Amino acid sequence: MLIKILIVAVLFAIVLSLASGLFHLVKDTEGQSKKMVNALTVRIALSVALFILLFIGWYAGLITPHNVR
């Protein structure tokens, strides 16, 4: 159950990072590009962490994929 909560929390953090990057892109004042790059870096790191959590959950048998044909 903990892994599922962590997965949802990471997904929420990815969306927040995306919103932060969008805000800094739209605002586009001097010095904001560094903040946008930081938001992108955080989002990429969170995405990698999400994949790792998904693989750990799948390997441990805590989550199972659906049969998609």
PDB file of N, CA and C in Angstrom:
ATOM      1  N   MET A   1       0.823  -1.193   0.000  1.00  0.00           N
ATOM      2  CA  MET A   1       0.000   0.000   0.000  1.00  0.00           C
ATOM      3  C   MET A   1       0.869   1.261   0.000  1.00  0.00           C
ATOM      4  N   LEU A   2       1.995   1.200   0.678  1.00  0.00           N
ATOM      5  CA  LEU A   2       2.894   2.352   0.744  1.00  0.00           C
ATOM      6  C   LEU A   2       3.442   2.703  -0.626  1.00  0.00           C
ATOM      7  N   ILE A   3       3.750   1.691  -1.446  1.00  0.00           N
ATOM      8  CA  ILE A   3       4.316   1.962  -2.767  1.00  0.00           C
ATOM      9  C   ILE A   3       3.298   2.689  -3.648  1.00  0.00           C
ATOM     10  N   LYS A   4       2.025   2.337  -3.502  1.00  0.00           N
ATOM     11  CA  LYS A   4       0.986   2.999  -4.299  1.00  0.00           C
ATOM     12  C   LYS A   4       0.841   4.464  -3.888  1.00  0.00           C
ATOM     13  N   ILE A   5       0.949   4.737  -2.602  1.00  0.00           N
ATOM     14  CA  ILE A   5       0.885   6.119  -2.126  1.00  0.00           C
ATOM     15  C   ILE A   5       2.090   6.907  -2.638  1.00  0.00           C
ATOM     16  N   LEU A   6       3.269   6.282  -2.621  1.00  0.00           N
ATOM     17  CA  LEU A   6       4.469   6.953  -3.138  1.00  0.00           C
ATOM     18  C   LEU A   6       4.346   7.242  -4.631  1.00  0.00           C
ATOM     19  N   ILE A   7       3.769   6.309  -5.379  1.00  0.00           N
ATOM     20  CA  ILE A   7       3.601   6.504  -6.819  1.00  0.00           C
ATOM     21  C   ILE A   7       2.670   7.683  -7.088  1.00  0.00           C
ATOM     22  N   VAL A   8       1.561   7.754  -6.367  1.00  0.00           N
ATOM     23  CA  VAL A   8       0.621   8.867  -6.552  1.00  0.00           C
ATOM     24  C   VAL A   8       1.277  10.189  -6.134  1.00  0.00           C
ATOM     25  N   ALA A   9       2.064  10.168  -5.057  1.00  0.00           N
ATOM     26  CA  ALA A   9       2.738  11.385  -4.601  1.00  0.00           C
ATOM     27  C   ALA A   9       3.753  11.873  -5.638  1.00  0.00           C
ATOM     28  N   VAL A  10       4.489  10.951  -6.241  1.00  0.00           N
ATOM     29  CA  VAL A  10       5.463  11.333  -7.271  1.00  0.00           C
ATOM     30  C   VAL A  10       4.749  11.876  -8.504  1.00  0.00           C
ATOM     31  N   LEU A  11       3.631  11.254  -8.889  1.00  0.00           N
ATOM     32  CA  LEU A  11       2.856  11.783 -10.013  1.00  0.00           C
ATOM     33  C   LEU A  11       2.370  13.203  -9.734  1.00  0.00           C
ATOM     34  N   PHE A  12       1.906  13.440  -8.523  1.00  0.00           N
ATOM     35  CA  PHE A  12       1.455  14.778  -8.139  1.00  0.00           C
ATOM     36  C   PHE A  12       2.616  15.774  -8.175  1.00  0.00           C
ATOM     37  N   ALA A  13       3.789  15.357  -7.702  1.00  0.00           N
ATOM     38  CA  ALA A  13       4.960  16.232  -7.727  1.00  0.00           C
ATOM     39  C   ALA A  13       5.388  16.532  -9.168  1.00  0.00           C
ATOM     40  N   ILE A  14       5.245  15.573 -10.071  1.00  0.00           N
ATOM     41  CA  ILE A  14       5.574  15.801 -11.482  1.00  0.00           C
ATOM     42  C   ILE A  14       4.648  16.862 -12.071  1.00  0.00           C
ATOM     43  N   VAL A  15       3.362  16.775 -11.750  1.00  0.00           N
ATOM     44  CA  VAL A  15       2.411  17.771 -12.252  1.00  0.00           C
ATOM     45  C   VAL A  15       2.727  19.154 -11.684  1.00  0.00           C
ATOM     46  N   LEU A  16       3.088  19.219 -10.401  1.00  0.00           N
ATOM     47  CA  LEU A  16       3.460  20.506  -9.804  1.00  0.00           C
ATOM     48  C   LEU A  16       4.704  21.088 -10.471  1.00  0.00           C
ATOM     49  N   SER A  17       5.675  20.248 -10.766  1.00  0.00           N
ATOM     50  CA  SER A  17       6.886  20.715 -11.436  1.00  0.00           C
ATOM     51  C   SER A  17       6.574  21.197 -12.849  1.00  0.00           C
ATOM     52  N   LEU A  18       5.671  20.508 -13.520  1.00  0.00           N
ATOM     53  CA  LEU A  18       5.248  20.928 -14.847  1.00  0.00           C
ATOM     54  C   LEU A  18       4.568  22.289 -14.790  1.00  0.00           C
ATOM     55  N   ALA A  19       3.713  22.486 -13.795  1.00  0.00           N
ATOM     56  CA  ALA A  19       3.031  23.776 -13.638  1.00  0.00           C
ATOM     57  C   ALA A  19       4.030  24.889 -13.319  1.00  0.00           C
ATOM     58  N   SER A  20       5.029  24.580 -12.516  1.00  0.00           N
ATOM     59  CA  SER A  20       6.049  25.564 -12.186  1.00  0.00           C
ATOM     60  C   SER A  20       6.835  25.969 -13.426  1.00  0.00           C
ATOM     61  N   GLY A  21       7.211  24.991 -14.228  1.00  0.00           N
ATOM     62  CA  GLY A  21       7.919  25.290 -15.473  1.00  0.00           C
ATOM     63  C   GLY A  21       7.081  26.114 -16.426  1.00  0.00           C
ATOM     64  N   LEU A  22       5.786  25.805 -16.514  1.00  0.00           N
ATOM     65  CA  LEU A  22       4.897  26.575 -17.369  1.00  0.00           C
ATOM     66  C   LEU A  22       4.769  28.011 -16.885  1.00  0.00           C
ATOM     67  N   PHE A  23       4.671  28.179 -15.578  1.00  0.00           N
ATOM     68  CA  PHE A  23       4.575  29.523 -15.010  1.00  0.00           C
ATOM     69  C   PHE A  23       5.806  30.353 -15.367  1.00  0.00           C
ATOM     70  N   HIS A  24       6.984  29.764 -15.218  1.00  0.00           N
ATOM     71  CA  HIS A  24       8.214  30.503 -15.507  1.00  0.00           C
ATOM     72  C   HIS A  24       8.405  30.719 -17.004  1.00  0.00           C
ATOM     73  N   LEU A  25       7.839  29.824 -17.826  1.00  0.00           N
ATOM     74  CA  LEU A  25       7.899  30.015 -19.275  1.00  0.00           C
ATOM     75  C   LEU A  25       7.013  31.175 -19.698  1.00  0.00           C
ATOM     76  N   VAL A  26       5.819  31.251 -19.137  1.00  0.00           N
ATOM     77  CA  VAL A  26       4.882  32.305 -19.507  1.00  0.00           C
ATOM     78  C   VAL A  26       5.338  33.654 -18.962  1.00  0.00           C
ATOM     79  N   LYS A  27       5.848  33.670 -17.749  1.00  0.00           N
ATOM     80  CA  LYS A  27       6.288  34.919 -17.140  1.00  0.00           C
ATOM     81  C   LYS A  27       7.462  35.507 -17.923  1.00  0.00           C
ATOM     82  N   ASP A  28       8.445  34.675 -18.246  1.00  0.00           N
ATOM     83  CA  ASP A  28       9.559  35.003 -19.149  1.00  0.00           C
ATOM     84  C   ASP A  28      10.207  36.353 -18.882  1.00  0.00           C
ATOM     85  N   THR A  29      10.519  36.623 -17.636  1.00  0.00           N
ATOM     86  CA  THR A  29      11.296  37.818 -17.327  1.00  0.00           C
ATOM     87  C   THR A  29      12.762  37.428 -17.180  1.00  0.00           C
ATOM     88  N   GLU A  30      13.590  38.396 -17.002  1.00  0.00           N
ATOM     89  CA  GLU A  30      15.032  38.136 -16.892  1.00  0.00           C
ATOM     90  C   GLU A  30      15.332  37.267 -15.671  1.00  0.00           C
ATOM     91  N   GLY A  31      16.113  36.212 -15.867  1.00  0.00           N
ATOM     92  CA  GLY A  31      16.504  35.339 -14.770  1.00  0.00           C
ATOM     93  C   GLY A  31      15.536  34.201 -14.506  1.00  0.00           C
ATOM     94  N   GLN A  32      14.423  34.147 -15.243  1.00  0.00           N
ATOM     95  CA  GLN A  32      13.436  33.095 -15.027  1.00  0.00           C
ATOM     96  C   GLN A  32      13.804  31.808 -15.761  1.00  0.00           C
ATOM     97  N   SER A  33      14.653  31.903 -16.782  1.00  0.00           N
ATOM     98  CA  SER A  33      14.995  30.710 -17.540  1.00  0.00           C
ATOM     99  C   SER A  33      15.738  29.700 -16.663  1.00  0.00           C
ATOM    100  N   LYS A  34      16.531  30.172 -15.715  1.00  0.00           N
ATOM    101  CA  LYS A  34      17.226  29.266 -14.791  1.00  0.00           C
ATOM    102  C   LYS A  34      16.204  28.498 -13.948  1.00  0.00           C
ATOM    103  N   LYS A  35      15.158  29.175 -13.515  1.00  0.00           N
ATOM    104  CA  LYS A  35      14.115  28.511 -12.733  1.00  0.00           C
ATOM    105  C   LYS A  35      13.360  27.497 -13.580  1.00  0.00           C
ATOM    106  N   MET A  36      13.159  27.808 -14.861  1.00  0.00           N
ATOM    107  CA  MET A  36      12.474  26.878 -15.747  1.00  0.00           C
ATOM    108  C   MET A  36      13.326  25.632 -15.986  1.00  0.00           C
ATOM    109  N   VAL A  37      14.618  25.822 -16.148  1.00  0.00           N
ATOM    110  CA  VAL A  37      15.527  24.683 -16.323  1.00  0.00           C
ATOM    111  C   VAL A  37      15.560  23.831 -15.060  1.00  0.00           C
ATOM    112  N   ASN A  38      15.536  24.474 -13.898  1.00  0.00           N
ATOM    113  CA  ASN A  38      15.491  23.714 -12.644  1.00  0.00           C
ATOM    114  C   ASN A  38      14.204  22.910 -12.535  1.00  0.00           C
ATOM    115  N   ALA A  39      13.082  23.478 -12.962  1.00  0.00           N
ATOM    116  CA  ALA A  39      11.811  22.751 -12.939  1.00  0.00           C
ATOM    117  C   ALA A  39      11.868  21.544 -13.874  1.00  0.00           C
ATOM    118  N   LEU A  40      12.496  21.710 -15.027  1.00  0.00           N
ATOM    119  CA  LEU A  40      12.651  20.596 -15.960  1.00  0.00           C
ATOM    120  C   LEU A  40      13.536  19.506 -15.357  1.00  0.00           C
ATOM    121  N   THR A  41      14.611  19.898 -14.716  1.00  0.00           N
ATOM    122  CA  THR A  41      15.513  18.933 -14.084  1.00  0.00           C
ATOM    123  C   THR A  41      14.805  18.147 -12.988  1.00  0.00           C
ATOM    124  N   VAL A  42      14.018  18.846 -12.187  1.00  0.00           N
ATOM    125  CA  VAL A  42      13.269  18.176 -11.122  1.00  0.00           C
ATOM    126  C   VAL A  42      12.255  17.208 -11.725  1.00  0.00           C
ATOM    127  N   ARG A  43      11.582  17.633 -12.785  1.00  0.00           N
ATOM    128  CA  ARG A  43      10.577  16.771 -13.416  1.00  0.00           C
ATOM    129  C   ARG A  43      11.210  15.518 -13.998  1.00  0.00           C
ATOM    130  N   ILE A  44      12.374  15.636 -14.602  1.00  0.00           N
ATOM    131  CA  ILE A  44      13.054  14.468 -15.151  1.00  0.00           C
ATOM    132  C   ILE A  44      13.479  13.523 -14.030  1.00  0.00           C
ATOM    133  N   ALA A  45      14.020  14.076 -12.953  1.00  0.00           N
ATOM    134  CA  ALA A  45      14.425  13.241 -11.815  1.00  0.00           C
ATOM    135  C   ALA A  45      13.221  12.537 -11.202  1.00  0.00           C
ATOM    136  N   LEU A  46      12.104  13.237 -11.090  1.00  0.00           N
ATOM    137  CA  LEU A  46      10.897  12.611 -10.548  1.00  0.00           C
ATOM    138  C   LEU A  46      10.361  11.523 -11.476  1.00  0.00           C
ATOM    139  N   SER A  47      10.469  11.729 -12.775  1.00  0.00           N
ATOM    140  CA  SER A  47      10.023  10.709 -13.724  1.00  0.00           C
ATOM    141  C   SER A  47      10.869   9.447 -13.626  1.00  0.00           C
ATOM    142  N   VAL A  48      12.166   9.619 -13.468  1.00  0.00           N
ATOM    143  CA  VAL A  48      13.050   8.466 -13.278  1.00  0.00           C
ATOM    144  C   VAL A  48      12.701   7.751 -11.969  1.00  0.00           C
ATOM    145  N   ALA A  49      12.449   8.523 -10.922  1.00  0.00           N
ATOM    146  CA  ALA A  49      12.064   7.925  -9.639  1.00  0.00           C
ATOM    147  C   ALA A  49      10.742   7.177  -9.767  1.00  0.00           C
ATOM    148  N   LEU A  50       9.823   7.699 -10.571  1.00  0.00           N
ATOM    149  CA  LEU A  50       8.544   7.024 -10.780  1.00  0.00           C
ATOM    150  C   LEU A  50       8.749   5.675 -11.456  1.00  0.00           C
ATOM    151  N   PHE A  51       9.571   5.628 -12.496  1.00  0.00           N
ATOM    152  CA  PHE A  51       9.844   4.364 -13.162  1.00  0.00           C
ATOM    153  C   PHE A  51      10.499   3.367 -12.209  1.00  0.00           C
ATOM    154  N   ILE A  52      11.413   3.841 -11.395  1.00  0.00           N
ATOM    155  CA  ILE A  52      12.066   2.950 -10.428  1.00  0.00           C
ATOM    156  C   ILE A  52      11.042   2.413  -9.430  1.00  0.00           C
ATOM    157  N   LEU A  53      10.161   3.277  -8.935  1.00  0.00           N
ATOM    158  CA  LEU A  53       9.115   2.819  -8.018  1.00  0.00           C
ATOM    159  C   LEU A  53       8.184   1.808  -8.682  1.00  0.00           C
ATOM    160  N   LEU A  54       7.837   2.055  -9.940  1.00  0.00           N
ATOM    161  CA  LEU A  54       6.973   1.104 -10.654  1.00  0.00           C
ATOM    162  C   LEU A  54       7.660  -0.245 -10.827  1.00  0.00           C
ATOM    163  N   PHE A  55       8.935  -0.242 -11.174  1.00  0.00           N
ATOM    164  CA  PHE A  55       9.653  -1.505 -11.329  1.00  0.00           C
ATOM    165  C   PHE A  55       9.806  -2.241 -10.005  1.00  0.00           C
ATOM    166  N   ILE A  56      10.077  -1.509  -8.933  1.00  0.00           N
ATOM    167  CA  ILE A  56      10.191  -2.134  -7.612  1.00  0.00           C
ATOM    168  C   ILE A  56       8.850  -2.744  -7.204  1.00  0.00           C
ATOM    169  N   GLY A  57       7.773  -1.987  -7.390  1.00  0.00           N
ATOM    170  CA  GLY A  57       6.448  -2.498  -7.049  1.00  0.00           C
ATOM    171  C   GLY A  57       6.066  -3.711  -7.868  1.00  0.00           C
ATOM    172  N   TRP A  58       6.405  -3.706  -9.148  1.00  0.00           N
ATOM    173  CA  TRP A  58       6.111  -4.848 -10.006  1.00  0.00           C
ATOM    174  C   TRP A  58       6.956  -6.061  -9.617  1.00  0.00           C
ATOM    175  N   TYR A  59       8.246  -5.842  -9.370  1.00  0.00           N
ATOM    176  CA  TYR A  59       9.147  -6.933  -9.007  1.00  0.00           C
ATOM    177  C   TYR A  59       8.749  -7.566  -7.678  1.00  0.00           C
ATOM    178  N   ALA A  60       8.315  -6.737  -6.732  1.00  0.00           N
ATOM    179  CA  ALA A  60       7.926  -7.248  -5.415  1.00  0.00           C
ATOM    180  C   ALA A  60       6.517  -7.847  -5.428  1.00  0.00           C
ATOM    181  N   GLY A  61       5.793  -7.692  -6.524  1.00  0.00           N
ATOM    182  CA  GLY A  61       4.448  -8.241  -6.612  1.00  0.00           C
ATOM    183  C   GLY A  61       3.389  -7.372  -5.959  1.00  0.00           C
ATOM    184  N   LEU A  62       3.738  -6.137  -5.642  1.00  0.00           N
ATOM    185  CA  LEU A  62       2.780  -5.242  -5.000  1.00  0.00           C
ATOM    186  C   LEU A  62       1.808  -4.630  -5.992  1.00  0.00           C
ATOM    187  N   ILE A  63       2.244  -4.488  -7.238  1.00  0.00           N
ATOM    188  CA  ILE A  63       1.362  -4.016  -8.299  1.00  0.00           C
ATOM    189  C   ILE A  63       1.491  -4.996  -9.459  1.00  0.00           C
ATOM    190  N   THR A  64       0.405  -5.186 -10.181  1.00  0.00           N
ATOM    191  CA  THR A  64       0.417  -6.111 -11.315  1.00  0.00           C
ATOM    192  C   THR A  64      -0.163  -5.416 -12.535  1.00  0.00           C
ATOM    193  N   PRO A  65       0.439  -5.634 -13.686  1.00  0.00           N
ATOM    194  CA  PRO A  65      -0.103  -5.013 -14.896  1.00  0.00           C
ATOM    195  C   PRO A  65      -1.377  -5.742 -15.341  1.00  0.00           C
ATOM    196  N   HIS A  66      -2.228  -5.025 -16.055  1.00  0.00           N
ATOM    197  CA  HIS A  66      -3.446  -5.626 -16.571  1.00  0.00           C
ATOM    198  C   HIS A  66      -3.118  -6.372 -17.862  1.00  0.00           C
ATOM    199  N   ASN A  67      -3.949  -7.353 -18.187  1.00  0.00           N
ATOM    200  CA  ASN A  67      -3.775  -8.074 -19.449  1.00  0.00           C
ATOM    201  C   ASN A  67      -4.364  -7.240 -20.580  1.00  0.00           C
ATOM    202  N   VAL A  68      -3.507  -6.586 -21.329  1.00  0.00           N
ATOM    203  CA  VAL A  68      -3.938  -5.759 -22.445  1.00  0.00           C
ATOM    204  C   VAL A  68      -3.606  -6.512 -23.716  1.00  0.00           C
ATOM    205  N   ARG A  69      -4.587  -6.635 -24.580  1.00  0.00           N
ATOM    206  CA  ARG A  69      -4.354  -7.372 -25.828  1.00  0.00           C
ATOM    207  C   ARG A  69      -4.392  -6.448 -27.000  1.00  0.00           C
TER     208      ARG A  69
END
